[in-house]
Amino acid sequence: EIDLAAPSAPPAEWAAAVTSAPVVVGHAAAVVGGNANDFDGEGGAAQVSVFLPVAEVVPSHGNLINEIKVAVSPSDTVKKRLNDKKWAQVFNAMTPMEYSSVIKAVAIEFDQPDIAALIAPSVRGGIFTHEYVISAIRVVSDWLRT
């Protein structure tokens, strides 16, 4: 039985893991660390704070695309990665095709030019050529090309 009044520290094997801030689990059961747990609070309330391990995202073009696709704000996601020195090589090594695939990963077409403008100064250390512009134009909608 889990004592909800006094949360315990994460298990010792999680010492090297990155953990998130406490989250509220709004269900009667949750899977934490591979184990199904039933949470019953006072008066039948089914909420409890738990610590969940969070893996660090490895800097890569594919992971950038995945993050943009699931982001609520692709702009914030890109800004965060542009400010992270670990991700500098991803932007510096970006080819024209990779640049256009990042733009295309943004679901809302209206936001695509903003993402293109954010990334452009970091591509190849600021050496942004016509090849990148042509590649970007080929993937966006007609109304964005003018």
Protein backbone atom coordinates (compact mmCIF):
# COMPACT_ATOMS: atom_id res chain seq x y z
CA GLU A 1 0.00 0.00 0.00
CA ILE A 2 1.27 3.48 -0.87
CA ASP A 3 1.35 6.12 1.84
CA LEU A 4 0.13 9.29 0.10
CA ALA A 5 0.79 11.54 3.06
CA ALA A 6 4.57 11.13 2.91
CA PRO A 7 6.00 10.79 -0.61
CA SER A 8 9.25 8.91 -0.73
CA ALA A 9 12.41 9.69 -2.63
CA PRO A 10 12.88 8.10 -6.07
CA PRO A 11 14.45 4.63 -6.04
CA ALA A 12 18.27 4.47 -5.89
CA GLU A 13 18.50 3.20 -9.48
CA TRP A 14 16.99 6.49 -10.65
CA ALA A 15 19.95 8.48 -9.28
CA ALA A 16 21.40 9.04 -12.75
CA ALA A 17 18.00 9.71 -14.38
CA VAL A 18 16.66 13.13 -15.20
CA THR A 19 13.40 13.70 -13.35
CA SER A 20 10.55 16.08 -14.00
CA ALA A 21 8.77 18.30 -11.56
CA PRO A 22 5.89 16.60 -9.72
CA VAL A 23 2.89 16.02 -11.96
CA VAL A 24 -0.74 15.44 -11.08
CA VAL A 25 -2.06 12.10 -12.24
CA GLY A 26 -5.77 12.59 -12.83
CA HIS A 27 -6.62 8.91 -13.05
CA ALA A 28 -7.27 6.21 -10.52
CA ALA A 29 -4.36 4.20 -11.88
CA ALA A 30 -1.07 5.12 -13.50
CA VAL A 31 1.96 3.29 -14.83
CA VAL A 32 5.12 4.50 -13.14
CA GLY A 33 8.41 2.80 -13.85
CA GLY A 34 6.64 -0.12 -15.53
CA ASN A 35 4.45 -0.85 -12.50
CA ALA A 36 0.71 -0.20 -12.45
CA ASN A 37 -0.25 1.74 -9.33
CA ASP A 38 -3.70 2.51 -7.95
CA PHE A 39 -3.90 5.94 -6.36
CA ASP A 40 -6.72 6.66 -3.94
CA GLY A 41 -6.49 9.94 -2.09
CA GLU A 42 -8.55 11.26 0.78
CA GLY A 43 -12.28 11.03 0.20
CA GLY A 44 -11.82 8.93 -2.91
CA ALA A 45 -9.84 11.63 -4.72
CA ALA A 46 -7.74 10.04 -7.42
CA GLN A 47 -4.86 12.48 -7.69
CA VAL A 48 -1.31 12.23 -6.42
CA SER A 49 2.07 13.78 -7.20
CA VAL A 50 4.59 11.37 -8.66
CA PHE A 51 8.08 11.77 -10.06
CA LEU A 52 8.49 10.48 -13.59
CA PRO A 53 11.84 9.92 -15.26
CA VAL A 54 12.39 12.10 -18.34
CA ALA A 55 14.95 11.18 -20.95
CA GLU A 56 17.12 13.87 -22.47
CA VAL A 57 16.63 14.29 -26.22
CA VAL A 58 19.75 13.49 -28.23
CA PRO A 59 20.59 16.34 -30.64
CA SER A 60 19.83 15.21 -34.19
CA HIS A 61 17.91 16.42 -37.21
CA GLY A 62 15.35 13.61 -36.83
CA ASN A 63 14.72 14.44 -33.18
CA LEU A 64 14.28 18.12 -34.05
CA ILE A 65 11.65 17.17 -36.63
CA ASN A 66 9.86 14.93 -34.10
CA GLU A 67 9.85 17.66 -31.47
CA ILE A 68 8.44 20.21 -33.90
CA LYS A 69 5.68 17.83 -35.02
CA VAL A 70 4.40 17.29 -31.47
CA ALA A 71 5.07 20.78 -30.09
CA VAL A 72 2.27 23.07 -29.01
CA SER A 73 4.55 25.94 -30.04
CA PRO A 74 7.07 24.93 -32.72
CA SER A 75 8.60 28.41 -32.44
CA ASP A 76 9.38 27.94 -28.73
CA THR A 77 10.79 24.49 -29.42
CA VAL A 78 13.13 25.81 -32.12
CA LYS A 79 14.20 28.79 -29.98
CA LYS A 80 15.00 26.42 -27.11
CA ARG A 81 17.15 24.24 -29.37
CA LEU A 82 18.87 27.23 -30.98
CA ASN A 83 19.90 28.44 -27.52
CA ASP A 84 21.22 25.01 -26.50
CA LYS A 85 24.93 24.65 -27.37
CA LYS A 86 24.53 20.88 -27.67
CA TRP A 87 22.24 21.44 -30.67
CA ALA A 88 24.51 23.91 -32.50
CA GLN A 89 26.03 21.17 -34.65
CA VAL A 90 22.58 20.06 -35.85
CA PHE A 91 21.89 23.53 -37.25
CA ASN A 92 25.44 24.12 -38.46
CA ALA A 93 25.45 20.88 -40.50
CA MET A 94 21.94 21.35 -41.92
CA THR A 95 21.64 20.75 -45.66
CA PRO A 96 19.09 22.55 -47.85
CA MET A 97 16.86 19.43 -47.83
CA GLU A 98 17.06 19.16 -44.03
CA TYR A 99 16.29 22.89 -43.72
CA SER A 100 13.16 22.51 -45.84
CA SER A 101 12.09 19.38 -43.92
CA VAL A 102 12.21 21.36 -40.68
CA ILE A 103 9.99 24.03 -42.22
CA LYS A 104 7.59 21.40 -43.56
CA ALA A 105 7.38 19.72 -40.11
CA VAL A 106 5.52 22.79 -38.81
CA ALA A 107 1.84 21.82 -39.08
CA ILE A 108 0.42 25.35 -39.20
CA GLU A 109 1.47 26.90 -42.51
CA PHE A 110 1.20 30.42 -41.09
CA ASP A 111 4.08 29.59 -38.69
CA GLN A 112 6.41 28.15 -41.33
CA PRO A 113 8.03 31.48 -42.37
CA ASP A 114 8.79 32.30 -38.73
CA ILE A 115 10.56 28.97 -38.25
CA ALA A 116 12.49 29.47 -41.50
CA ALA A 117 13.64 32.93 -40.35
CA LEU A 118 14.60 31.66 -36.87
CA ILE A 119 16.79 28.86 -38.22
CA ALA A 120 18.39 30.65 -41.19
CA PRO A 121 21.10 32.56 -39.25
CA SER A 122 22.32 29.32 -37.63
CA VAL A 123 22.49 27.23 -40.80
CA ARG A 124 26.09 26.48 -41.77
CA GLY A 125 27.35 29.05 -39.30
CA GLY A 126 25.40 31.84 -40.99
CA ILE A 127 26.40 30.97 -44.56
CA PHE A 128 22.86 30.84 -45.92
CA THR A 129 22.82 30.43 -49.70
CA HIS A 130 20.19 30.51 -52.44
CA GLU A 131 20.05 26.70 -52.31
CA TYR A 132 18.31 26.92 -48.92
CA VAL A 133 15.81 29.48 -50.22
CA ILE A 134 14.98 27.33 -53.26
CA SER A 135 14.55 24.23 -51.10
CA ALA A 136 12.25 26.09 -48.71
CA ILE A 137 10.14 27.54 -51.54
CA ARG A 138 9.58 24.07 -52.95
CA VAL A 139 7.97 22.73 -49.76
CA VAL A 140 5.69 25.58 -48.70
CA SER A 141 2.20 26.36 -50.00
CA ASP A 142 1.65 28.69 -52.94
CA TRP A 143 0.34 31.53 -50.79
CA LEU A 144 3.65 31.57 -48.82
CA ARG A 145 5.80 31.84 -51.96
CA THR A 146 4.90 35.44 -52.73
